[in-house]
């Protein structure tokens, strides 16, 4: 069980950041917690994670059902184009 003060940091990039109106947010960690559960809790776009959105935990790509632990950095990355 996580201590009551356990948190994770959530980062949004590109269009997701613009749509949500924020880039970085610290959240209390609930058990069990996965990127998909955070996506739902933050109301970022429905009950499923769109296939084009990538998830990174501590700067490494991860699956949406990967368990999160206190202190993790969770990033949601939409498709980004440019040159």
PDB file of N, CA and C in Angstrom:
ATOM      1  N   UNK A   1       0.845  -1.185   0.000  1.00  0.00           N
ATOM      2  CA  UNK A   1       0.000   0.000   0.000  1.00  0.00           C
ATOM      3  C   UNK A   1       0.888   1.246   0.000  1.00  0.00           C
ATOM      4  N   UNK A   2       0.510   2.237  -0.812  1.00  0.00           N
ATOM      5  CA  UNK A   2       1.260   3.483  -0.908  1.00  0.00           C
ATOM      6  C   UNK A   2       0.900   4.397   0.261  1.00  0.00           C
ATOM      7  N   UNK A   3       1.857   5.204   0.733  1.00  0.00           N
ATOM      8  CA  UNK A   3       1.518   6.190   1.759  1.00  0.00           C
ATOM      9  C   UNK A   3       0.542   7.220   1.199  1.00  0.00           C
ATOM     10  N   UNK A   4      -0.261   7.874   2.059  1.00  0.00           N
ATOM     11  CA  UNK A   4      -1.266   8.816   1.581  1.00  0.00           C
ATOM     12  C   UNK A   4      -0.695   9.966   0.766  1.00  0.00           C
ATOM     13  N   UNK A   5       0.572  10.312   0.991  1.00  0.00           N
ATOM     14  CA  UNK A   5       1.159  11.443   0.277  1.00  0.00           C
ATOM     15  C   UNK A   5       1.854  11.029  -1.013  1.00  0.00           C
ATOM     16  N   UNK A   6       1.766   9.760  -1.409  1.00  0.00           N
ATOM     17  CA  UNK A   6       2.419   9.286  -2.625  1.00  0.00           C
ATOM     18  C   UNK A   6       1.810   9.968  -3.843  1.00  0.00           C
ATOM     19  N   UNK A   7       2.673  10.440  -4.740  1.00  0.00           N
ATOM     20  CA  UNK A   7       2.195  11.131  -5.934  1.00  0.00           C
ATOM     21  C   UNK A   7       2.957  10.657  -7.164  1.00  0.00           C
ATOM     22  N   UNK A   8       2.385  10.987  -8.319  1.00  0.00           N
ATOM     23  CA  UNK A   8       3.062  10.844  -9.597  1.00  0.00           C
ATOM     24  C   UNK A   8       2.968  12.188 -10.302  1.00  0.00           C
ATOM     25  N   UNK A   9       3.839  12.393 -11.266  1.00  0.00           N
ATOM     26  CA  UNK A   9       3.792  13.614 -12.061  1.00  0.00           C
ATOM     27  C   UNK A   9       3.330  13.245 -13.462  1.00  0.00           C
ATOM     28  N   UNK A  10       2.325  13.951 -13.966  1.00  0.00           N
ATOM     29  CA  UNK A  10       1.771  13.690 -15.292  1.00  0.00           C
ATOM     30  C   UNK A  10       2.151  14.843 -16.207  1.00  0.00           C
ATOM     31  N   UNK A  11       2.667  14.489 -17.383  1.00  0.00           N
ATOM     32  CA  UNK A  11       3.063  15.476 -18.382  1.00  0.00           C
ATOM     33  C   UNK A  11       2.230  15.278 -19.645  1.00  0.00           C
ATOM     34  N   UNK A  12       1.800  16.374 -20.232  1.00  0.00           N
ATOM     35  CA  UNK A  12       1.097  16.346 -21.512  1.00  0.00           C
ATOM     36  C   UNK A  12       1.920  17.112 -22.533  1.00  0.00           C
ATOM     37  N   UNK A  13       1.885  16.672 -23.771  1.00  0.00           N
ATOM     38  CA  UNK A  13       2.661  17.314 -24.817  1.00  0.00           C
ATOM     39  C   UNK A  13       1.779  17.677 -26.005  1.00  0.00           C
ATOM     40  N   UNK A  14       2.242  18.654 -26.765  1.00  0.00           N
ATOM     41  CA  UNK A  14       1.665  19.063 -28.046  1.00  0.00           C
ATOM     42  C   UNK A  14       0.160  19.317 -27.930  1.00  0.00           C
ATOM     43  N   UNK A  15      -0.622  18.715 -28.828  1.00  0.00           N
ATOM     44  CA  UNK A  15      -2.064  18.989 -28.881  1.00  0.00           C
ATOM     45  C   UNK A  15      -2.774  18.614 -27.580  1.00  0.00           C
ATOM     46  N   UNK A  16      -2.316  17.572 -26.906  1.00  0.00           N
ATOM     47  CA  UNK A  16      -2.947  17.205 -25.625  1.00  0.00           C
ATOM     48  C   UNK A  16      -2.808  18.327 -24.606  1.00  0.00           C
ATOM     49  N   UNK A  17      -1.633  18.931 -24.565  1.00  0.00           N
ATOM     50  CA  UNK A  17      -1.389  20.043 -23.638  1.00  0.00           C
ATOM     51  C   UNK A  17      -2.320  21.206 -23.966  1.00  0.00           C
ATOM     52  N   UNK A  18      -2.457  21.508 -25.237  1.00  0.00           N
ATOM     53  CA  UNK A  18      -3.322  22.617 -25.649  1.00  0.00           C
ATOM     54  C   UNK A  18      -4.788  22.332 -25.320  1.00  0.00           C
ATOM     55  N   UNK A  19      -5.238  21.114 -25.555  1.00  0.00           N
ATOM     56  CA  UNK A  19      -6.633  20.755 -25.279  1.00  0.00           C
ATOM     57  C   UNK A  19      -6.941  20.785 -23.785  1.00  0.00           C
ATOM     58  N   UNK A  20      -6.024  20.289 -22.975  1.00  0.00           N
ATOM     59  CA  UNK A  20      -6.257  20.213 -21.529  1.00  0.00           C
ATOM     60  C   UNK A  20      -6.034  21.552 -20.837  1.00  0.00           C
ATOM     61  N   UNK A  21      -5.190  22.403 -21.415  1.00  0.00           N
ATOM     62  CA  UNK A  21      -4.893  23.694 -20.798  1.00  0.00           C
ATOM     63  C   UNK A  21      -3.830  23.623 -19.718  1.00  0.00           C
ATOM     64  N   UNK A  22      -3.107  22.522 -19.651  1.00  0.00           N
ATOM     65  CA  UNK A  22      -2.003  22.389 -18.690  1.00  0.00           C
ATOM     66  C   UNK A  22      -0.954  21.440 -19.271  1.00  0.00           C
ATOM     67  N   UNK A  23       0.265  21.568 -18.792  1.00  0.00           N
ATOM     68  CA  UNK A  23       1.370  20.744 -19.285  1.00  0.00           C
ATOM     69  C   UNK A  23       1.886  19.765 -18.243  1.00  0.00           C
ATOM     70  N   UNK A  24       1.774  20.119 -16.970  1.00  0.00           N
ATOM     71  CA  UNK A  24       2.352  19.307 -15.892  1.00  0.00           C
ATOM     72  C   UNK A  24       1.423  19.373 -14.691  1.00  0.00           C
ATOM     73  N   UNK A  25       1.188  18.205 -14.096  1.00  0.00           N
ATOM     74  CA  UNK A  25       0.305  18.154 -12.932  1.00  0.00           C
ATOM     75  C   UNK A  25       0.757  17.020 -12.010  1.00  0.00           C
ATOM     76  N   UNK A  26       0.791  17.285 -10.720  1.00  0.00           N
ATOM     77  CA  UNK A  26       1.125  16.257  -9.725  1.00  0.00           C
ATOM     78  C   UNK A  26      -0.192  15.690  -9.202  1.00  0.00           C
ATOM     79  N   UNK A  27      -0.284  14.358  -9.197  1.00  0.00           N
ATOM     80  CA  UNK A  27      -1.512  13.689  -8.772  1.00  0.00           C
ATOM     81  C   UNK A  27      -1.244  12.722  -7.631  1.00  0.00           C
ATOM     82  N   UNK A  28      -2.204  12.589  -6.720  1.00  0.00           N
ATOM     83  CA  UNK A  28      -2.071  11.549  -5.699  1.00  0.00           C
ATOM     84  C   UNK A  28      -2.160  10.184  -6.378  1.00  0.00           C
ATOM     85  N   UNK A  29      -1.367   9.260  -5.911  1.00  0.00           N
ATOM     86  CA  UNK A  29      -1.344   7.920  -6.487  1.00  0.00           C
ATOM     87  C   UNK A  29      -2.382   7.054  -5.792  1.00  0.00           C
ATOM     88  N   UNK A  30      -3.313   6.536  -6.595  1.00  0.00           N
ATOM     89  CA  UNK A  30      -4.321   5.615  -6.074  1.00  0.00           C
ATOM     90  C   UNK A  30      -3.903   4.200  -6.458  1.00  0.00           C
ATOM     91  N   UNK A  31      -4.228   3.238  -5.621  1.00  0.00           N
ATOM     92  CA  UNK A  31      -3.913   1.848  -5.952  1.00  0.00           C
ATOM     93  C   UNK A  31      -5.159   1.136  -6.412  1.00  0.00           C
ATOM     94  N   UNK A  32      -5.091   0.281  -7.402  1.00  0.00           N
ATOM     95  CA  UNK A  32      -3.984   0.199  -8.335  1.00  0.00           C
ATOM     96  C   UNK A  32      -4.066   1.360  -9.310  1.00  0.00           C
ATOM     97  N   UNK A  33      -2.948   1.749  -9.857  1.00  0.00           N
ATOM     98  CA  UNK A  33      -2.924   2.880 -10.778  1.00  0.00           C
ATOM     99  C   UNK A  33      -2.108   2.512 -12.010  1.00  0.00           C
ATOM    100  N   UNK A  34      -2.674   2.799 -13.159  1.00  0.00           N
ATOM    101  CA  UNK A  34      -2.024   2.571 -14.441  1.00  0.00           C
ATOM    102  C   UNK A  34      -2.167   3.839 -15.270  1.00  0.00           C
ATOM    103  N   UNK A  35      -1.411   3.972 -16.354  1.00  0.00           N
ATOM    104  CA  UNK A  35      -1.608   5.122 -17.230  1.00  0.00           C
ATOM    105  C   UNK A  35      -3.052   5.227 -17.741  1.00  0.00           C
ATOM    106  N   UNK A  36      -3.659   4.095 -18.061  1.00  0.00           N
ATOM    107  CA  UNK A  36      -5.044   4.137 -18.529  1.00  0.00           C
ATOM    108  C   UNK A  36      -5.972   4.694 -17.458  1.00  0.00           C
ATOM    109  N   UNK A  37      -5.782   4.287 -16.211  1.00  0.00           N
ATOM    110  CA  UNK A  37      -6.625   4.808 -15.126  1.00  0.00           C
ATOM    111  C   UNK A  37      -6.420   6.313 -14.954  1.00  0.00           C
ATOM    112  N   UNK A  38      -5.184   6.776 -15.062  1.00  0.00           N
ATOM    113  CA  UNK A  38      -4.918   8.223 -14.983  1.00  0.00           C
ATOM    114  C   UNK A  38      -5.596   8.958 -16.127  1.00  0.00           C
ATOM    115  N   UNK A  39      -5.533   8.393 -17.332  1.00  0.00           N
ATOM    116  CA  UNK A  39      -6.180   8.982 -18.504  1.00  0.00           C
ATOM    117  C   UNK A  39      -7.669   9.185 -18.225  1.00  0.00           C
ATOM    118  N   UNK A  40      -8.307   8.153 -17.681  1.00  0.00           N
ATOM    119  CA  UNK A  40      -9.734   8.239 -17.355  1.00  0.00           C
ATOM    120  C   UNK A  40      -9.987   9.266 -16.252  1.00  0.00           C
ATOM    121  N   UNK A  41      -9.194   9.211 -15.182  1.00  0.00           N
ATOM    122  CA  UNK A  41      -9.387  10.118 -14.044  1.00  0.00           C
ATOM    123  C   UNK A  41      -9.217  11.577 -14.439  1.00  0.00           C
ATOM    124  N   UNK A  42      -8.290  11.843 -15.355  1.00  0.00           N
ATOM    125  CA  UNK A  42      -8.035  13.215 -15.798  1.00  0.00           C
ATOM    126  C   UNK A  42      -9.011  13.667 -16.877  1.00  0.00           C
ATOM    127  N   UNK A  43      -9.869  12.765 -17.326  1.00  0.00           N
ATOM    128  CA  UNK A  43     -10.866  13.059 -18.353  1.00  0.00           C
ATOM    129  C   UNK A  43     -10.219  13.668 -19.590  1.00  0.00           C
ATOM    130  N   UNK A  44      -9.192  12.980 -20.069  1.00  0.00           N
ATOM    131  CA  UNK A  44      -8.450  13.482 -21.223  1.00  0.00           C
ATOM    132  C   UNK A  44      -9.027  13.028 -22.556  1.00  0.00           C
ATOM    133  N   UNK A  45     -10.043  12.193 -22.552  1.00  0.00           N
ATOM    134  CA  UNK A  45     -10.608  11.793 -23.828  1.00  0.00           C
ATOM    135  C   UNK A  45     -11.298  10.450 -23.822  1.00  0.00           C
ATOM    136  N   UNK A  46     -12.051  10.160 -22.828  1.00  0.00           N
ATOM    137  CA  UNK A  46     -12.834   8.932 -22.824  1.00  0.00           C
ATOM    138  C   UNK A  46     -12.266   7.852 -21.934  1.00  0.00           C
ATOM    139  N   UNK A  47     -12.896   6.679 -22.037  1.00  0.00           N
ATOM    140  CA  UNK A  47     -12.530   5.554 -21.181  1.00  0.00           C
ATOM    141  C   UNK A  47     -11.449   4.666 -21.771  1.00  0.00           C
ATOM    142  N   UNK A  48     -11.066   4.923 -23.007  1.00  0.00           N
ATOM    143  CA  UNK A  48      -9.989   4.152 -23.620  1.00  0.00           C
ATOM    144  C   UNK A  48      -8.917   5.110 -24.111  1.00  0.00           C
ATOM    145  N   UNK A  49      -7.703   4.645 -24.106  1.00  0.00           N
ATOM    146  CA  UNK A  49      -6.587   5.443 -24.591  1.00  0.00           C
ATOM    147  C   UNK A  49      -6.515   5.275 -26.106  1.00  0.00           C
ATOM    148  N   UNK A  50      -6.628   6.360 -26.873  1.00  0.00           N
ATOM    149  CA  UNK A  50      -6.553   6.234 -28.327  1.00  0.00           C
ATOM    150  C   UNK A  50      -5.244   5.574 -28.762  1.00  0.00           C
ATOM    151  N   UNK A  51      -5.322   4.765 -29.809  1.00  0.00           N
ATOM    152  CA  UNK A  51      -4.157   4.006 -30.280  1.00  0.00           C
ATOM    153  C   UNK A  51      -2.988   4.908 -30.652  1.00  0.00           C
ATOM    154  N   UNK A  52      -3.263   6.128 -31.079  1.00  0.00           N
ATOM    155  CA  UNK A  52      -2.175   7.016 -31.517  1.00  0.00           C
ATOM    156  C   UNK A  52      -1.462   7.715 -30.356  1.00  0.00           C
ATOM    157  N   UNK A  53      -1.997   7.625 -29.154  1.00  0.00           N
ATOM    158  CA  UNK A  53      -1.360   8.251 -27.988  1.00  0.00           C
ATOM    159  C   UNK A  53      -0.353   7.275 -27.392  1.00  0.00           C
ATOM    160  N   UNK A  54       0.895   7.719 -27.277  1.00  0.00           N
ATOM    161  CA  UNK A  54       1.943   6.892 -26.660  1.00  0.00           C
ATOM    162  C   UNK A  54       2.048   7.260 -25.187  1.00  0.00           C
ATOM    163  N   UNK A  55       2.429   6.281 -24.394  1.00  0.00           N
ATOM    164  CA  UNK A  55       2.619   6.448 -22.956  1.00  0.00           C
ATOM    165  C   UNK A  55       4.091   6.259 -22.647  1.00  0.00           C
ATOM    166  N   UNK A  56       4.629   7.121 -21.795  1.00  0.00           N
ATOM    167  CA  UNK A  56       5.998   6.939 -21.306  1.00  0.00           C
ATOM    168  C   UNK A  56       5.983   7.040 -19.784  1.00  0.00           C
ATOM    169  N   UNK A  57       6.710   6.143 -19.151  1.00  0.00           N
ATOM    170  CA  UNK A  57       6.889   6.171 -17.700  1.00  0.00           C
ATOM    171  C   UNK A  57       8.377   6.329 -17.444  1.00  0.00           C
ATOM    172  N   UNK A  58       8.724   7.410 -16.757  1.00  0.00           N
ATOM    173  CA  UNK A  58      10.134   7.709 -16.472  1.00  0.00           C
ATOM    174  C   UNK A  58      10.971   7.720 -17.749  1.00  0.00           C
ATOM    175  N   UNK A  59      10.419   8.350 -18.789  1.00  0.00           N
ATOM    176  CA  UNK A  59      11.072   8.594 -20.068  1.00  0.00           C
ATOM    177  C   UNK A  59      11.338   7.327 -20.877  1.00  0.00           C
ATOM    178  N   UNK A  60      10.548   6.279 -20.633  1.00  0.00           N
ATOM    179  CA  UNK A  60      10.611   5.052 -21.435  1.00  0.00           C
ATOM    180  C   UNK A  60       9.189   4.686 -21.852  1.00  0.00           C
ATOM    181  N   UNK A  61       9.041   4.324 -23.126  1.00  0.00           N
ATOM    182  CA  UNK A  61       7.715   3.931 -23.585  1.00  0.00           C
ATOM    183  C   UNK A  61       7.221   2.730 -22.787  1.00  0.00           C
ATOM    184  N   UNK A  62       5.916   2.733 -22.505  1.00  0.00           N
ATOM    185  CA  UNK A  62       5.317   1.679 -21.683  1.00  0.00           C
ATOM    186  C   UNK A  62       3.899   1.412 -22.167  1.00  0.00           C
ATOM    187  N   UNK A  63       3.354   0.294 -21.731  1.00  0.00           N
ATOM    188  CA  UNK A  63       1.971  -0.060 -22.048  1.00  0.00           C
ATOM    189  C   UNK A  63       1.017   0.689 -21.122  1.00  0.00           C
ATOM    190  N   UNK A  64      -0.209   0.864 -21.582  1.00  0.00           N
ATOM    191  CA  UNK A  64      -1.214   1.602 -20.811  1.00  0.00           C
ATOM    192  C   UNK A  64      -1.631   0.879 -19.536  1.00  0.00           C
ATOM    193  N   UNK A  65      -1.314  -0.412 -19.431  1.00  0.00           N
ATOM    194  CA  UNK A  65      -1.689  -1.163 -18.228  1.00  0.00           C
ATOM    195  C   UNK A  65      -0.505  -1.405 -17.286  1.00  0.00           C
ATOM    196  N   UNK A  66       0.598  -0.694 -17.503  1.00  0.00           N
ATOM    197  CA  UNK A  66       1.773  -0.819 -16.642  1.00  0.00           C
ATOM    198  C   UNK A  66       1.480  -0.198 -15.274  1.00  0.00           C
ATOM    199  N   UNK A  67       1.733  -0.908 -14.186  1.00  0.00           N
ATOM    200  CA  UNK A  67       1.495  -0.329 -12.861  1.00  0.00           C
ATOM    201  C   UNK A  67       2.423   0.857 -12.590  1.00  0.00           C
ATOM    202  N   UNK A  68       1.873   1.892 -11.986  1.00  0.00           N
ATOM    203  CA  UNK A  68       2.648   3.068 -11.591  1.00  0.00           C
ATOM    204  C   UNK A  68       2.984   2.977 -10.110  1.00  0.00           C
ATOM    205  N   UNK A  69       4.134   3.553  -9.750  1.00  0.00           N
ATOM    206  CA  UNK A  69       4.513   3.614  -8.341  1.00  0.00           C
ATOM    207  C   UNK A  69       4.812   5.063  -7.971  1.00  0.00           C
ATOM    208  N   UNK A  70       4.825   5.337  -6.688  1.00  0.00           N
ATOM    209  CA  UNK A  70       5.075   6.697  -6.201  1.00  0.00           C
ATOM    210  C   UNK A  70       6.367   7.239  -6.791  1.00  0.00           C
ATOM    211  N   UNK A  71       6.311   8.497  -7.226  1.00  0.00           N
ATOM    212  CA  UNK A  71       7.475   9.165  -7.778  1.00  0.00           C
ATOM    213  C   UNK A  71       7.625   9.021  -9.277  1.00  0.00           C
ATOM    214  N   UNK A  72       6.800   8.184  -9.915  1.00  0.00           N
ATOM    215  CA  UNK A  72       6.901   8.013 -11.363  1.00  0.00           C
ATOM    216  C   UNK A  72       6.522   9.298 -12.093  1.00  0.00           C
ATOM    217  N   UNK A  73       7.120   9.457 -13.268  1.00  0.00           N
ATOM    218  CA  UNK A  73       6.744  10.517 -14.197  1.00  0.00           C
ATOM    219  C   UNK A  73       6.010   9.839 -15.349  1.00  0.00           C
ATOM    220  N   UNK A  74       4.771  10.228 -15.571  1.00  0.00           N
ATOM    221  CA  UNK A  74       3.927   9.660 -16.614  1.00  0.00           C
ATOM    222  C   UNK A  74       3.709  10.713 -17.682  1.00  0.00           C
ATOM    223  N   UNK A  75       3.988  10.352 -18.929  1.00  0.00           N
ATOM    224  CA  UNK A  75       3.788  11.287 -20.032  1.00  0.00           C
ATOM    225  C   UNK A  75       2.846  10.680 -21.058  1.00  0.00           C
ATOM    226  N   UNK A  76       1.939  11.519 -21.566  1.00  0.00           N
ATOM    227  CA  UNK A  76       1.073  11.147 -22.672  1.00  0.00           C
ATOM    228  C   UNK A  76       1.551  11.929 -23.886  1.00  0.00           C
ATOM    229  N   UNK A  77       1.862  11.199 -24.964  1.00  0.00           N
ATOM    230  CA  UNK A  77       2.464  11.805 -26.148  1.00  0.00           C
ATOM    231  C   UNK A  77       1.589  11.557 -27.373  1.00  0.00           C
ATOM    232  N   UNK A  78       0.987  12.611 -27.915  1.00  0.00           N
ATOM    233  CA  UNK A  78       0.218  12.449 -29.145  1.00  0.00           C
ATOM    234  C   UNK A  78       1.175  12.393 -30.333  1.00  0.00           C
ATOM    235  N   UNK A  79       0.662  12.047 -31.513  1.00  0.00           N
ATOM    236  CA  UNK A  79       1.527  12.090 -32.693  1.00  0.00           C
ATOM    237  C   UNK A  79       2.056  13.515 -32.880  1.00  0.00           C
ATOM    238  N   UNK A  80       3.315  13.612 -33.197  1.00  0.00           N
ATOM    239  CA  UNK A  80       3.949  14.919 -33.395  1.00  0.00           C
ATOM    240  C   UNK A  80       4.594  14.916 -34.768  1.00  0.00           C
ATOM    241  N   UNK A  81       4.309  15.955 -35.543  1.00  0.00           N
ATOM    242  CA  UNK A  81       4.923  16.051 -36.863  1.00  0.00           C
ATOM    243  C   UNK A  81       5.815  17.279 -36.904  1.00  0.00           C
ATOM    244  N   UNK A  82       6.646  17.297 -37.852  1.00  0.00           N
ATOM    245  CA  UNK A  82       7.557  18.430 -37.999  1.00  0.00           C
ATOM    246  C   UNK A  82       8.778  17.999 -38.770  1.00  0.00           C
ATOM    247  N   UNK A  83       9.657  18.930 -38.930  1.00  0.00           N
ATOM    248  CA  UNK A  83      10.838  18.561 -39.704  1.00  0.00           C
ATOM    249  C   UNK A  83      12.019  19.377 -39.332  1.00  0.00           C
TER     250      UNK A  83
END
